[in-house]
C-alpha atoms as a PDB file:
ATOM      1  CA  MET A   1      38.393  -1.363   5.384  1.00  0.00           C
ATOM      2  CA  SER A   2      35.127   0.584   5.009  1.00  0.00           C
ATOM      3  CA  GLN A   3      34.742   3.851   6.865  1.00  0.00           C
ATOM      4  CA  PRO A   4      32.103   4.016   9.631  1.00  0.00           C
ATOM      5  CA  GLN A   5      28.922   5.927   8.840  1.00  0.00           C
ATOM      6  CA  LYS A   6      28.760   9.469  10.172  1.00  0.00           C
ATOM      7  CA  SER A   7      26.214   9.961  12.929  1.00  0.00           C
ATOM      8  CA  PHE A   8      24.119  12.935  11.874  1.00  0.00           C
ATOM      9  CA  LYS A   9      22.452  15.047  14.545  1.00  0.00           C
ATOM     10  CA  ILE A  10      18.748  15.536  13.919  1.00  0.00           C
ATOM     11  CA  LEU A  11      16.054  17.587  15.649  1.00  0.00           C
ATOM     12  CA  LEU A  12      12.697  15.790  15.522  1.00  0.00           C
ATOM     13  CA  VAL A  13       9.359  17.379  16.438  1.00  0.00           C
ATOM     14  CA  GLY A  14       5.791  16.104  16.263  1.00  0.00           C
ATOM     15  CA  ASP A  15       2.922  14.182  17.830  1.00  0.00           C
ATOM     16  CA  SER A  16       3.507  10.792  19.460  1.00  0.00           C
ATOM     17  CA  CYS A  17       1.289   7.973  20.682  1.00  0.00           C
ATOM     18  CA  TYR A  18       1.466   4.592  22.333  1.00  0.00           C
ATOM     19  CA  ASP A  19       0.730   1.647  20.050  1.00  0.00           C
ATOM     20  CA  VAL A  20      -0.536  -1.330  22.037  1.00  0.00           C
ATOM     21  CA  TYR A  21      -0.886  -4.609  20.145  1.00  0.00           C
ATOM     22  CA  HIS A  22      -3.277  -7.152  21.645  1.00  0.00           C
ATOM     23  CA  TYR A  23      -2.807 -10.655  20.211  1.00  0.00           C
ATOM     24  CA  GLY A  24      -5.454 -13.311  20.506  1.00  0.00           C
ATOM     25  CA  GLU A  25      -7.793 -15.770  18.808  1.00  0.00           C
ATOM     26  CA  VAL A  26     -11.370 -15.728  17.591  1.00  0.00           C
ATOM     27  CA  LYS A  27     -13.024 -19.152  17.842  1.00  0.00           C
ATOM     28  CA  ARG A  28     -16.677 -18.331  18.309  1.00  0.00           C
ATOM     29  CA  ILE A  29     -19.393 -15.722  17.875  1.00  0.00           C
ATOM     30  CA  SER A  30     -21.033 -14.118  20.876  1.00  0.00           C
ATOM     31  CA  PRO A  31     -24.490 -15.512  21.755  1.00  0.00           C
ATOM     32  CA  GLU A  32     -25.488 -11.988  22.813  1.00  0.00           C
ATOM     33  CA  ALA A  33     -24.825 -10.276  19.485  1.00  0.00           C
ATOM     34  CA  PRO A  34     -23.412 -11.133  16.011  1.00  0.00           C
ATOM     35  CA  ILE A  35     -19.856 -10.206  16.978  1.00  0.00           C
ATOM     36  CA  PRO A  36     -16.662 -12.271  17.375  1.00  0.00           C
ATOM     37  CA  ILE A  37     -15.311 -13.061  20.827  1.00  0.00           C
ATOM     38  CA  PHE A  38     -11.650 -12.124  21.084  1.00  0.00           C
ATOM     39  CA  ASP A  39      -9.655 -14.443  23.356  1.00  0.00           C
ATOM     40  CA  LEU A  40      -6.724 -12.261  24.463  1.00  0.00           C
ATOM     41  CA  LYS A  41      -3.363 -14.051  24.772  1.00  0.00           C
ATOM     42  CA  TYR A  42      -0.842 -11.247  25.325  1.00  0.00           C
ATOM     43  CA  SER A  43      -0.201  -7.550  24.662  1.00  0.00           C
ATOM     44  CA  HIS A  44       2.838  -5.635  23.463  1.00  0.00           C
ATOM     45  CA  LYS A  45       3.422  -1.869  23.726  1.00  0.00           C
ATOM     46  CA  LYS A  46       5.422   0.227  21.243  1.00  0.00           C
ATOM     47  CA  TYR A  47       5.962   3.932  20.525  1.00  0.00           C
ATOM     48  CA  GLY A  48       4.124   5.379  17.520  1.00  0.00           C
ATOM     49  CA  MET A  49       3.932   8.437  15.258  1.00  0.00           C
ATOM     50  CA  ALA A  50       6.835  10.861  15.859  1.00  0.00           C
ATOM     51  CA  SER A  51       8.363   8.490  18.392  1.00  0.00           C
ATOM     52  CA  ASN A  52       8.330   5.757  15.756  1.00  0.00           C
ATOM     53  CA  VAL A  53      10.205   8.127  13.446  1.00  0.00           C
ATOM     54  CA  TYR A  54      12.646   8.536  16.334  1.00  0.00           C
ATOM     55  CA  GLU A  55      13.152   4.769  16.596  1.00  0.00           C
ATOM     56  CA  ASN A  56      13.737   4.548  12.839  1.00  0.00           C
ATOM     57  CA  LEU A  57      16.264   7.376  12.828  1.00  0.00           C
ATOM     58  CA  LYS A  58      18.125   5.789  15.732  1.00  0.00           C
ATOM     59  CA  ALA A  59      18.161   2.406  13.965  1.00  0.00           C
ATOM     60  CA  LEU A  60      19.920   4.096  11.040  1.00  0.00           C
ATOM     61  CA  GLY A  61      22.586   5.537  13.306  1.00  0.00           C
ATOM     62  CA  ALA A  62      21.350   9.114  13.737  1.00  0.00           C
ATOM     63  CA  ASP A  63      21.767  11.143  16.923  1.00  0.00           C
ATOM     64  CA  VAL A  64      18.222  12.361  17.551  1.00  0.00           C
ATOM     65  CA  HIS A  65      16.755  14.952  19.932  1.00  0.00           C
ATOM     66  CA  ILE A  66      12.947  14.865  20.036  1.00  0.00           C
ATOM     67  CA  HIS A  67      10.284  17.377  21.116  1.00  0.00           C
ATOM     68  CA  THR A  68       6.956  15.564  21.462  1.00  0.00           C
ATOM     69  CA  ASN A  69       3.975  14.632  23.616  1.00  0.00           C
ATOM     70  CA  PHE A  70       2.186  11.283  23.954  1.00  0.00           C
ATOM     71  CA  LEU A  71      -1.388  12.351  23.553  1.00  0.00           C
ATOM     72  CA  GLU A  72      -3.203   9.104  22.784  1.00  0.00           C
ATOM     73  CA  THR A  73      -3.067   5.319  22.886  1.00  0.00           C
ATOM     74  CA  LYS A  74      -3.991   3.192  19.881  1.00  0.00           C
ATOM     75  CA  ASN A  75      -5.112  -0.305  20.831  1.00  0.00           C
ATOM     76  CA  ARG A  76      -4.910  -2.801  17.978  1.00  0.00           C
ATOM     77  CA  TYR A  77      -6.496  -6.242  18.276  1.00  0.00           C
ATOM     78  CA  ILE A  78      -4.766  -8.802  16.074  1.00  0.00           C
ATOM     79  CA  ASP A  79      -5.615 -12.403  15.230  1.00  0.00           C
ATOM     80  CA  ILE A  80      -2.536 -14.525  15.999  1.00  0.00           C
ATOM     81  CA  LYS A  81      -3.045 -17.024  13.181  1.00  0.00           C
ATOM     82  CA  SER A  82      -3.836 -14.734  10.266  1.00  0.00           C
ATOM     83  CA  LYS A  83      -1.869 -11.729  11.587  1.00  0.00           C
ATOM     84  CA  GLN A  84      -4.851  -9.613  10.527  1.00  0.00           C
ATOM     85  CA  GLN A  85      -5.965  -6.585  12.526  1.00  0.00           C
ATOM     86  CA  LEU A  86      -9.550  -7.057  13.703  1.00  0.00           C
ATOM     87  CA  LEU A  87     -10.179  -3.768  15.484  1.00  0.00           C
ATOM     88  CA  ARG A  88      -8.481  -0.542  16.538  1.00  0.00           C
ATOM     89  CA  VAL A  89      -9.613   1.445  19.567  1.00  0.00           C
ATOM     90  CA  ASP A  90      -8.147   4.934  20.143  1.00  0.00           C
ATOM     91  CA  GLN A  91      -8.238   6.669  23.488  1.00  0.00           C
ATOM     92  CA  LYS A  92      -6.958  10.020  24.693  1.00  0.00           C
ATOM     93  CA  ASN A  93      -4.308   9.873  27.379  1.00  0.00           C
ATOM     94  CA  SER A  94      -5.703  11.510  30.513  1.00  0.00           C
ATOM     95  CA  GLU A  95      -2.229  12.565  31.648  1.00  0.00           C
ATOM     96  CA  PHE A  96      -1.601  14.463  28.409  1.00  0.00           C
ATOM     97  CA  GLU A  97      -0.695  18.100  28.849  1.00  0.00           C
ATOM     98  CA  PHE A  98       0.096  20.276  25.858  1.00  0.00           C
ATOM     99  CA  SER A  99       3.484  21.928  26.089  1.00  0.00           C
ATOM    100  CA  GLY A 100       4.704  22.545  22.540  1.00  0.00           C
ATOM    101  CA  ILE A 101       8.245  22.926  21.262  1.00  0.00           C
ATOM    102  CA  ILE A 102      10.700  24.228  23.861  1.00  0.00           C
ATOM    103  CA  TYR A 103      12.705  26.642  21.729  1.00  0.00           C
ATOM    104  CA  ASP A 104      14.946  27.741  24.594  1.00  0.00           C
ATOM    105  CA  LEU A 105      16.516  24.280  24.564  1.00  0.00           C
ATOM    106  CA  ILE A 106      17.369  24.268  20.870  1.00  0.00           C
ATOM    107  CA  ASP A 107      20.865  25.012  19.590  1.00  0.00           C
ATOM    108  CA  PHE A 108      20.018  25.170  15.887  1.00  0.00           C
ATOM    109  CA  ASP A 109      23.667  25.256  14.815  1.00  0.00           C
ATOM    110  CA  ALA A 110      24.198  21.811  16.332  1.00  0.00           C
ATOM    111  CA  TYR A 111      21.822  20.003  13.955  1.00  0.00           C
ATOM    112  CA  ASP A 112      22.332  18.631  10.452  1.00  0.00           C
ATOM    113  CA  ALA A 113      18.588  18.456   9.717  1.00  0.00           C
ATOM    114  CA  ILE A 114      15.138  18.972  11.204  1.00  0.00           C
ATOM    115  CA  VAL A 115      12.414  16.343  10.812  1.00  0.00           C
ATOM    116  CA  ILE A 116       8.749  17.200  11.415  1.00  0.00           C
ATOM    117  CA  SER A 117       6.249  14.380  11.946  1.00  0.00           C
ATOM    118  CA  ASP A 118       2.941  16.266  12.027  1.00  0.00           C
ATOM    119  CA  TYR A 119      -0.031  13.990  12.591  1.00  0.00           C
ATOM    120  CA  GLY A 120      -2.352  16.954  13.063  1.00  0.00           C
ATOM    121  CA  LYS A 121      -3.034  16.309  16.757  1.00  0.00           C
ATOM    122  CA  GLY A 122      -2.167  19.811  17.915  1.00  0.00           C
ATOM    123  CA  PHE A 123       1.420  19.562  19.110  1.00  0.00           C
ATOM    124  CA  PHE A 124       2.889  21.101  15.943  1.00  0.00           C
ATOM    125  CA  LYS A 125       1.506  24.313  14.387  1.00  0.00           C
ATOM    126  CA  ARG A 126       2.193  26.205  11.173  1.00  0.00           C
ATOM    127  CA  SER A 127       3.770  28.974  13.223  1.00  0.00           C
ATOM    128  CA  ASP A 128       6.269  26.414  14.502  1.00  0.00           C
ATOM    129  CA  TYR A 129       7.459  25.736  10.968  1.00  0.00           C
ATOM    130  CA  THR A 130       7.871  29.462  10.347  1.00  0.00           C
ATOM    131  CA  ARG A 131       9.990  29.793  13.468  1.00  0.00           C
ATOM    132  CA  LEU A 132      12.062  26.702  12.694  1.00  0.00           C
ATOM    133  CA  ARG A 133      12.693  27.849   9.126  1.00  0.00           C
ATOM    134  CA  GLU A 134      13.729  31.316  10.272  1.00  0.00           C
ATOM    135  CA  ASN A 135      16.275  29.895  12.726  1.00  0.00           C
ATOM    136  CA  PHE A 136      17.593  26.900  10.790  1.00  0.00           C
ATOM    137  CA  LYS A 137      19.309  27.097   7.401  1.00  0.00           C
ATOM    138  CA  GLY A 138      19.771  23.368   6.809  1.00  0.00           C
ATOM    139  CA  PRO A 139      17.357  20.827   5.274  1.00  0.00           C
ATOM    140  CA  ILE A 140      13.915  20.338   6.830  1.00  0.00           C
ATOM    141  CA  PHE A 141      11.860  17.221   6.110  1.00  0.00           C
ATOM    142  CA  ILE A 142       8.147  17.198   6.923  1.00  0.00           C
ATOM    143  CA  ASP A 143       5.373  14.619   6.839  1.00  0.00           C
ATOM    144  CA  THR A 144       2.134  16.478   7.532  1.00  0.00           C
ATOM    145  CA  LYS A 145      -1.638  16.110   7.551  1.00  0.00           C
ATOM    146  CA  ASP A 146      -1.968  19.832   6.825  1.00  0.00           C
ATOM    147  CA  THR A 147      -3.650  20.467   3.463  1.00  0.00           C
ATOM    148  CA  GLN A 148      -2.066  23.913   3.034  1.00  0.00           C
ATOM    149  CA  LEU A 149       1.256  22.624   1.773  1.00  0.00           C
ATOM    150  CA  ASP A 150       2.367  25.963   0.320  1.00  0.00           C
ATOM    151  CA  HIS A 151       3.041  27.103   3.894  1.00  0.00           C
ATOM    152  CA  TYR A 152       6.041  24.748   4.066  1.00  0.00           C
ATOM    153  CA  SER A 153       8.092  26.373   1.357  1.00  0.00           C
ATOM    154  CA  GLY A 154      11.745  25.397   1.464  1.00  0.00           C
ATOM    155  CA  ALA A 155      11.147  21.974   3.015  1.00  0.00           C
ATOM    156  CA  PHE A 156      11.191  18.478   1.573  1.00  0.00           C
ATOM    157  CA  ILE A 157       7.514  17.524   1.906  1.00  0.00           C
ATOM    158  CA  LYS A 158       6.514  13.858   2.102  1.00  0.00           C
ATOM    159  CA  ILE A 159       2.812  12.908   2.061  1.00  0.00           C
ATOM    160  CA  ASN A 160       0.754   9.923   0.943  1.00  0.00           C
ATOM    161  CA  HIS A 161      -1.670   9.918  -1.996  1.00  0.00           C
ATOM    162  CA  TYR A 162      -4.726  10.351   0.231  1.00  0.00           C
ATOM    163  CA  GLU A 163      -3.239  13.517   1.709  1.00  0.00           C
ATOM    164  CA  TYR A 164      -2.248  14.667  -1.774  1.00  0.00           C
ATOM    165  CA  GLU A 165      -5.866  14.406  -2.946  1.00  0.00           C
ATOM    166  CA  LYS A 166      -7.059  16.483   0.015  1.00  0.00           C
ATOM    167  CA  ALA A 167      -4.402  19.147  -0.361  1.00  0.00           C
ATOM    168  CA  GLY A 168      -5.047  22.531  -1.887  1.00  0.00           C
ATOM    169  CA  SER A 169      -3.060  23.916  -4.802  1.00  0.00           C
ATOM    170  CA  VAL A 170       0.301  22.146  -5.093  1.00  0.00           C
ATOM    171  CA  THR A 171       1.416  23.491  -8.461  1.00  0.00           C
ATOM    172  CA  ASN A 172       3.972  25.846  -6.922  1.00  0.00           C
ATOM    173  CA  ILE A 173       5.498  23.415  -4.423  1.00  0.00           C
ATOM    174  CA  GLU A 174       8.994  22.113  -5.048  1.00  0.00           C
ATOM    175  CA  ASN A 175      10.401  18.826  -3.770  1.00  0.00           C
ATOM    176  CA  LEU A 176       7.040  17.241  -2.993  1.00  0.00           C
ATOM    177  CA  ILE A 177       7.221  13.468  -2.497  1.00  0.00           C
ATOM    178  CA  VAL A 178       3.948  11.524  -2.709  1.00  0.00           C
ATOM    179  CA  THR A 179       3.847   7.856  -1.716  1.00  0.00           C
ATOM    180  CA  HIS A 180       1.244   5.560  -3.287  1.00  0.00           C
ATOM    181  CA  GLY A 181       1.486   2.593  -0.951  1.00  0.00           C
ATOM    182  CA  GLY A 182       3.383  -0.317  -2.473  1.00  0.00           C
ATOM    183  CA  ASP A 183       2.653   0.814  -6.020  1.00  0.00           C
ATOM    184  CA  HIS A 184       4.930   3.775  -6.638  1.00  0.00           C
ATOM    185  CA  VAL A 185       6.363   7.057  -5.354  1.00  0.00           C
ATOM    186  CA  VAL A 186       6.170  10.352  -7.251  1.00  0.00           C
ATOM    187  CA  TRP A 187       8.753  13.083  -6.777  1.00  0.00           C
ATOM    188  CA  TYR A 188       7.616  16.504  -7.982  1.00  0.00           C
ATOM    189  CA  ARG A 189      10.908  18.305  -8.407  1.00  0.00           C
ATOM    190  CA  GLU A 190      11.874  21.891  -9.075  1.00  0.00           C
ATOM    191  CA  LYS A 191       9.790  24.286 -11.185  1.00  0.00           C
ATOM    192  CA  PRO A 192       8.536  23.699 -13.789  1.00  0.00           C
ATOM    193  CA  TYR A 193       7.119  20.474 -12.411  1.00  0.00           C
ATOM    194  CA  THR A 194       8.982  17.440 -13.740  1.00  0.00           C
ATOM    195  CA  PRO A 195       7.524  14.485 -11.855  1.00  0.00           C
ATOM    196  CA  GLU A 196       9.694  11.396 -11.554  1.00  0.00           C
ATOM    197  CA  ILE A 197       8.186   8.026 -10.685  1.00  0.00           C
ATOM    198  CA  PHE A 198       9.886   5.348  -8.590  1.00  0.00           C
ATOM    199  CA  PHE A 199       8.761   1.760  -8.065  1.00  0.00           C
ATOM    200  CA  PRO A 200       9.428   0.106  -4.682  1.00  0.00           C
ATOM    201  CA  PRO A 201      10.368  -3.564  -4.235  1.00  0.00           C
ATOM    202  CA  LYS A 202       7.439  -5.950  -4.356  1.00  0.00           C
ATOM    203  CA  VAL A 203       7.060  -7.706  -1.026  1.00  0.00           C
ATOM    204  CA  ASP A 204       4.489  -9.693   0.927  1.00  0.00           C
ATOM    205  CA  ALA A 205       3.070  -6.907   3.099  1.00  0.00           C
ATOM    206  CA  HIS A 206       1.595  -7.916   6.462  1.00  0.00           C
ATOM    207  CA  ASP A 207       1.018  -4.496   8.046  1.00  0.00           C
ATOM    208  CA  VAL A 208       1.487  -0.994   6.597  1.00  0.00           C
ATOM    209  CA  CYS A 209       1.424   0.612  10.062  1.00  0.00           C
ATOM    210  CA  GLY A 210       4.467   2.836  10.475  1.00  0.00           C
ATOM    211  CA  ALA A 211       5.690   2.483   6.881  1.00  0.00           C
ATOM    212  CA  GLY A 212       5.420   6.228   6.335  1.00  0.00           C
ATOM    213  CA  ASP A 213       7.490   6.875   9.455  1.00  0.00           C
ATOM    214  CA  THR A 214      10.198   4.542   8.199  1.00  0.00           C
ATOM    215  CA  PHE A 215      10.148   6.225   4.788  1.00  0.00           C
ATOM    216  CA  LEU A 216      10.552   9.682   6.345  1.00  0.00           C
ATOM    217  CA  ALA A 217      13.446   8.618   8.571  1.00  0.00           C
ATOM    218  CA  ALA A 218      15.298   6.759   5.823  1.00  0.00           C
ATOM    219  CA  LEU A 219      14.746   9.607   3.367  1.00  0.00           C
ATOM    220  CA  THR A 220      16.330  12.068   5.788  1.00  0.00           C
ATOM    221  CA  VAL A 221      19.370   9.991   6.700  1.00  0.00           C
ATOM    222  CA  ARG A 222      20.185   8.979   3.137  1.00  0.00           C
ATOM    223  CA  TYR A 223      19.845  12.533   1.865  1.00  0.00           C
ATOM    224  CA  LEU A 224      22.288  13.735   4.511  1.00  0.00           C
ATOM    225  CA  GLU A 225      24.714  11.030   3.412  1.00  0.00           C
ATOM    226  CA  THR A 226      24.463  11.647  -0.338  1.00  0.00           C
ATOM    227  CA  THR A 227      22.771  15.085  -0.837  1.00  0.00           C
ATOM    228  CA  SER A 228      20.823  13.287  -3.578  1.00  0.00           C
ATOM    229  CA  LEU A 229      17.051  13.193  -3.110  1.00  0.00           C
ATOM    230  CA  LYS A 230      16.793  10.532  -5.808  1.00  0.00           C
ATOM    231  CA  GLU A 231      19.142   8.232  -3.880  1.00  0.00           C
ATOM    232  CA  ALA A 232      17.255   9.058  -0.690  1.00  0.00           C
ATOM    233  CA  ILE A 233      13.871   8.088  -2.200  1.00  0.00           C
ATOM    234  CA  ILE A 234      15.216   4.754  -3.439  1.00  0.00           C
ATOM    235  CA  PHE A 235      16.703   4.015  -0.024  1.00  0.00           C
ATOM    236  CA  ALA A 236      13.475   5.050   1.745  1.00  0.00           C
ATOM    237  CA  MET A 237      11.383   2.757  -0.457  1.00  0.00           C
ATOM    238  CA  LYS A 238      13.632  -0.189   0.377  1.00  0.00           C
ATOM    239  CA  ALA A 239      13.406   0.605   4.089  1.00  0.00           C
ATOM    240  CA  ALA A 240       9.601   0.884   4.037  1.00  0.00           C
ATOM    241  CA  SER A 241       9.337  -2.404   2.117  1.00  0.00           C
ATOM    242  CA  ILE A 242      11.023  -4.113   5.078  1.00  0.00           C
ATOM    243  CA  THR A 243       8.751  -2.473   7.663  1.00  0.00           C
ATOM    244  CA  VAL A 244       5.521  -3.698   6.009  1.00  0.00           C
ATOM    245  CA  LYS A 245       6.685  -7.309   6.297  1.00  0.00           C
ATOM    246  CA  HIS A 246       6.376  -7.040  10.087  1.00  0.00           C
ATOM    247  CA  ILE A 247       3.322  -6.785  12.321  1.00  0.00           C
ATOM    248  CA  GLY A 248       3.206  -3.403  14.024  1.00  0.00           C
ATOM    249  CA  VAL A 249       5.664  -0.539  13.797  1.00  0.00           C
ATOM    250  CA  TYR A 250       9.189  -1.653  12.932  1.00  0.00           C
ATOM    251  CA  ALA A 251      12.531   0.135  12.537  1.00  0.00           C
ATOM    252  CA  PRO A 252      14.800  -1.630  10.021  1.00  0.00           C
ATOM    253  CA  LYS A 253      18.547  -1.427  10.432  1.00  0.00           C
ATOM    254  CA  ARG A 254      20.929  -0.448   7.661  1.00  0.00           C
ATOM    255  CA  GLU A 255      22.102  -4.054   7.197  1.00  0.00           C
ATOM    256  CA  GLU A 256      18.529  -5.170   6.473  1.00  0.00           C
ATOM    257  CA  ILE A 257      18.019  -2.439   3.892  1.00  0.00           C
ATOM    258  CA  LYS A 258      21.214  -3.289   2.050  1.00  0.00           C
END
């Protein structure tokens, strides 16, 4: 009989949003302007950004404590037949109040890892990483929009290729993982740089929304299970390849990934 998976305890911090998916049809063009008329059928609300990372970590069996704020709502208008996204409208949440990480509530010794989902909206700051790193000796995983990646020394840094191109000098950064969509993933390992390339499964992708969140969550959990970043990257690629087959953010379970 197989042993049950250990439930790792993870501290998650970062920006969150509401993802609202509006499904409908376009059958005609407006007589008032050359624009399509969207016939709304129904809407569905999900949690995005750091809260989507939370959902993915939970789906993989982790015990997660999150520090976040929901600062905006992303409205996506999707054609029911083609499953294509026609328009996205972002709006700030009027009830949003910035609070930041509540350090008094954190028992650092209780966690197996820290995950940072930094979408650059203001909730997470560089000084937060410094404080987290000073107080926590375990592994830290970060997905960030910050271009000054050298500030996050000692962490496993996951970014996409667009963020990599915008980043400053990265020649001295260890354990940098750069995703290139469905094409490949590059792991820049310890000094001197010895990049290793991984190729994800080829799938029929419907929506890449949330794929990076899935990758980050799966990377963290698998690394905690194996202490092998190579195994973690392979697992994360498989997980993300399942997410992109769904419309909207999606949190695959372990059984689906296997």
